[in-house]
């Protein structure tokens, strides 16, 4: 039993979760800061035929997707001025070039709206 708990505590994605939660609750999530809307693109990686690392009881693609969806929901609930876009919200494979297109499209949108 202790071995299973120790393995779970040492997983690097736990650090990722804590960093995301810490960033989520920074004052930058308040509506009055800069008076602008923010867009966050969350890329869960892997998916579909690409499982990532395979453990005894889980696959990296499933863990990443669950974390991505939970972080996105936290942002949506706590930051009204933040729009969340997922590169994937279900177990499908998104090619790397398509992920780059999504990020590039989001990057260009604000500049196209300004006069």
C-alpha atoms as a PDB file:
ATOM      1  CA  UNK A   1       0.000   0.000   0.000  1.00  0.00           C
ATOM      2  CA  UNK A   2       2.779   2.464   0.879  1.00  0.00           C
ATOM      3  CA  UNK A   3       4.480   1.736  -2.419  1.00  0.00           C
ATOM      4  CA  UNK A   4       1.390   2.739  -4.414  1.00  0.00           C
ATOM      5  CA  UNK A   5       1.016   5.973  -2.421  1.00  0.00           C
ATOM      6  CA  UNK A   6       4.721   6.794  -2.853  1.00  0.00           C
ATOM      7  CA  UNK A   7       4.494   6.237  -6.614  1.00  0.00           C
ATOM      8  CA  UNK A   8       1.510   8.547  -6.878  1.00  0.00           C
ATOM      9  CA  UNK A   9       3.176  11.285  -4.832  1.00  0.00           C
ATOM     10  CA  UNK A  10       6.296  11.240  -6.985  1.00  0.00           C
ATOM     11  CA  UNK A  11       4.560  11.681 -10.314  1.00  0.00           C
ATOM     12  CA  UNK A  12       5.726  14.800 -12.106  1.00  0.00           C
ATOM     13  CA  UNK A  13       2.239  15.751 -13.245  1.00  0.00           C
ATOM     14  CA  UNK A  14       1.316  16.555  -9.631  1.00  0.00           C
ATOM     15  CA  UNK A  15       3.795  19.433  -9.788  1.00  0.00           C
ATOM     16  CA  UNK A  16       2.164  20.514 -13.049  1.00  0.00           C
ATOM     17  CA  UNK A  17      -1.256  20.532 -11.378  1.00  0.00           C
ATOM     18  CA  UNK A  18      -0.033  22.638  -8.474  1.00  0.00           C
ATOM     19  CA  UNK A  19       1.620  25.144 -10.797  1.00  0.00           C
ATOM     20  CA  UNK A  20      -1.569  25.437 -12.852  1.00  0.00           C
ATOM     21  CA  UNK A  21      -3.692  25.941  -9.750  1.00  0.00           C
ATOM     22  CA  UNK A  22      -1.258  28.522  -8.400  1.00  0.00           C
ATOM     23  CA  UNK A  23      -1.358  30.426 -11.679  1.00  0.00           C
ATOM     24  CA  UNK A  24      -5.130  30.162 -11.717  1.00  0.00           C
ATOM     25  CA  UNK A  25      -5.541  32.031  -8.459  1.00  0.00           C
ATOM     26  CA  UNK A  26      -3.096  34.835  -9.194  1.00  0.00           C
ATOM     27  CA  UNK A  27      -4.633  38.303  -9.314  1.00  0.00           C
ATOM     28  CA  UNK A  28      -4.343  38.251 -13.104  1.00  0.00           C
ATOM     29  CA  UNK A  29      -7.689  36.449 -13.164  1.00  0.00           C
ATOM     30  CA  UNK A  30      -9.623  39.464 -11.966  1.00  0.00           C
ATOM     31  CA  UNK A  31     -11.926  41.276 -14.363  1.00  0.00           C
ATOM     32  CA  UNK A  32     -10.533  44.744 -13.694  1.00  0.00           C
ATOM     33  CA  UNK A  33      -6.947  43.953 -14.718  1.00  0.00           C
ATOM     34  CA  UNK A  34      -6.181  45.664 -18.045  1.00  0.00           C
ATOM     35  CA  UNK A  35      -9.864  45.490 -18.993  1.00  0.00           C
ATOM     36  CA  UNK A  36      -9.185  42.858 -21.681  1.00  0.00           C
ATOM     37  CA  UNK A  37     -10.437  39.389 -22.383  1.00  0.00           C
ATOM     38  CA  UNK A  38      -7.897  36.576 -22.210  1.00  0.00           C
ATOM     39  CA  UNK A  39      -7.744  33.362 -24.200  1.00  0.00           C
ATOM     40  CA  UNK A  40      -6.094  30.257 -22.754  1.00  0.00           C
ATOM     41  CA  UNK A  41      -5.360  27.318 -25.039  1.00  0.00           C
ATOM     42  CA  UNK A  42      -4.986  24.051 -23.150  1.00  0.00           C
ATOM     43  CA  UNK A  43      -3.260  21.222 -24.995  1.00  0.00           C
ATOM     44  CA  UNK A  44      -3.730  17.818 -23.369  1.00  0.00           C
ATOM     45  CA  UNK A  45      -1.301  16.206 -25.826  1.00  0.00           C
ATOM     46  CA  UNK A  46      -1.326  12.583 -26.993  1.00  0.00           C
ATOM     47  CA  UNK A  47      -4.809  11.086 -27.490  1.00  0.00           C
ATOM     48  CA  UNK A  48      -6.389   8.545 -29.810  1.00  0.00           C
ATOM     49  CA  UNK A  49      -3.807   6.093 -31.134  1.00  0.00           C
ATOM     50  CA  UNK A  50      -0.990   7.902 -29.226  1.00  0.00           C
ATOM     51  CA  UNK A  51      -1.227   6.764 -25.580  1.00  0.00           C
ATOM     52  CA  UNK A  52       1.944   8.464 -24.341  1.00  0.00           C
ATOM     53  CA  UNK A  53       3.493   6.692 -21.361  1.00  0.00           C
ATOM     54  CA  UNK A  54       1.668   3.542 -20.312  1.00  0.00           C
ATOM     55  CA  UNK A  55       1.571   2.661 -16.623  1.00  0.00           C
ATOM     56  CA  UNK A  56       0.181  -0.347 -14.825  1.00  0.00           C
ATOM     57  CA  UNK A  57      -3.195   1.273 -14.197  1.00  0.00           C
ATOM     58  CA  UNK A  58      -3.352   4.284 -16.511  1.00  0.00           C
ATOM     59  CA  UNK A  59      -2.202   5.919 -19.725  1.00  0.00           C
ATOM     60  CA  UNK A  60      -0.656   9.346 -19.991  1.00  0.00           C
ATOM     61  CA  UNK A  61      -3.228  10.463 -22.570  1.00  0.00           C
ATOM     62  CA  UNK A  62      -6.081   9.875 -20.093  1.00  0.00           C
ATOM     63  CA  UNK A  63      -4.337  11.598 -17.195  1.00  0.00           C
ATOM     64  CA  UNK A  64      -3.421  14.593 -19.355  1.00  0.00           C
ATOM     65  CA  UNK A  65      -6.964  14.940 -20.682  1.00  0.00           C
ATOM     66  CA  UNK A  66      -8.494  14.764 -17.200  1.00  0.00           C
ATOM     67  CA  UNK A  67      -6.071  17.391 -15.879  1.00  0.00           C
ATOM     68  CA  UNK A  68      -6.636  19.645 -18.901  1.00  0.00           C
ATOM     69  CA  UNK A  69     -10.421  19.495 -18.539  1.00  0.00           C
ATOM     70  CA  UNK A  70     -10.310  20.120 -14.778  1.00  0.00           C
ATOM     71  CA  UNK A  71      -7.929  23.071 -15.095  1.00  0.00           C
ATOM     72  CA  UNK A  72     -10.083  24.485 -17.892  1.00  0.00           C
ATOM     73  CA  UNK A  73     -13.217  24.165 -15.774  1.00  0.00           C
ATOM     74  CA  UNK A  74     -11.484  25.872 -12.845  1.00  0.00           C
ATOM     75  CA  UNK A  75     -10.509  28.755 -15.085  1.00  0.00           C
ATOM     76  CA  UNK A  76     -14.038  29.034 -16.501  1.00  0.00           C
ATOM     77  CA  UNK A  77     -15.595  29.081 -13.027  1.00  0.00           C
ATOM     78  CA  UNK A  78     -13.160  31.568 -11.483  1.00  0.00           C
ATOM     79  CA  UNK A  79     -12.168  33.882 -14.314  1.00  0.00           C
ATOM     80  CA  UNK A  80     -15.095  35.405 -16.185  1.00  0.00           C
ATOM     81  CA  UNK A  81     -12.834  37.314 -18.574  1.00  0.00           C
ATOM     82  CA  UNK A  82     -10.909  34.212 -19.705  1.00  0.00           C
ATOM     83  CA  UNK A  83     -11.972  32.141 -22.689  1.00  0.00           C
ATOM     84  CA  UNK A  84     -10.753  28.539 -22.563  1.00  0.00           C
ATOM     85  CA  UNK A  85     -10.006  26.641 -25.755  1.00  0.00           C
ATOM     86  CA  UNK A  86      -8.969  22.988 -25.711  1.00  0.00           C
ATOM     87  CA  UNK A  87      -6.931  21.435 -28.499  1.00  0.00           C
ATOM     88  CA  UNK A  88      -8.867  18.274 -27.647  1.00  0.00           C
ATOM     89  CA  UNK A  89     -11.714  17.579 -25.216  1.00  0.00           C
ATOM     90  CA  UNK A  90     -12.079  13.861 -25.893  1.00  0.00           C
ATOM     91  CA  UNK A  91      -9.823  10.924 -26.702  1.00  0.00           C
ATOM     92  CA  UNK A  92      -8.815  11.820 -30.248  1.00  0.00           C
ATOM     93  CA  UNK A  93      -5.411  12.360 -31.798  1.00  0.00           C
ATOM     94  CA  UNK A  94      -4.680  15.919 -32.916  1.00  0.00           C
ATOM     95  CA  UNK A  95      -1.579  16.184 -35.132  1.00  0.00           C
ATOM     96  CA  UNK A  96       1.142  18.543 -33.946  1.00  0.00           C
ATOM     97  CA  UNK A  97       0.760  20.830 -36.937  1.00  0.00           C
ATOM     98  CA  UNK A  98      -2.969  21.250 -36.181  1.00  0.00           C
ATOM     99  CA  UNK A  99      -2.172  22.146 -32.561  1.00  0.00           C
ATOM    100  CA  UNK A 100       0.251  24.785 -33.831  1.00  0.00           C
ATOM    101  CA  UNK A 101      -2.450  26.118 -36.168  1.00  0.00           C
ATOM    102  CA  UNK A 102      -4.853  26.486 -33.242  1.00  0.00           C
ATOM    103  CA  UNK A 103      -2.295  28.423 -31.200  1.00  0.00           C
ATOM    104  CA  UNK A 104      -1.346  30.599 -34.187  1.00  0.00           C
ATOM    105  CA  UNK A 105      -4.987  31.363 -34.953  1.00  0.00           C
ATOM    106  CA  UNK A 106      -5.609  32.406 -31.352  1.00  0.00           C
ATOM    107  CA  UNK A 107      -2.444  34.526 -31.384  1.00  0.00           C
ATOM    108  CA  UNK A 108      -3.538  36.390 -34.530  1.00  0.00           C
ATOM    109  CA  UNK A 109      -7.164  37.064 -33.537  1.00  0.00           C
ATOM    110  CA  UNK A 110      -6.542  39.990 -31.134  1.00  0.00           C
ATOM    111  CA  UNK A 111      -4.286  41.806 -33.600  1.00  0.00           C
ATOM    112  CA  UNK A 112      -6.840  41.459 -36.387  1.00  0.00           C
ATOM    113  CA  UNK A 113      -9.542  43.061 -34.239  1.00  0.00           C
ATOM    114  CA  UNK A 114      -7.525  46.184 -33.462  1.00  0.00           C
ATOM    115  CA  UNK A 115      -7.683  49.128 -35.903  1.00  0.00           C
END
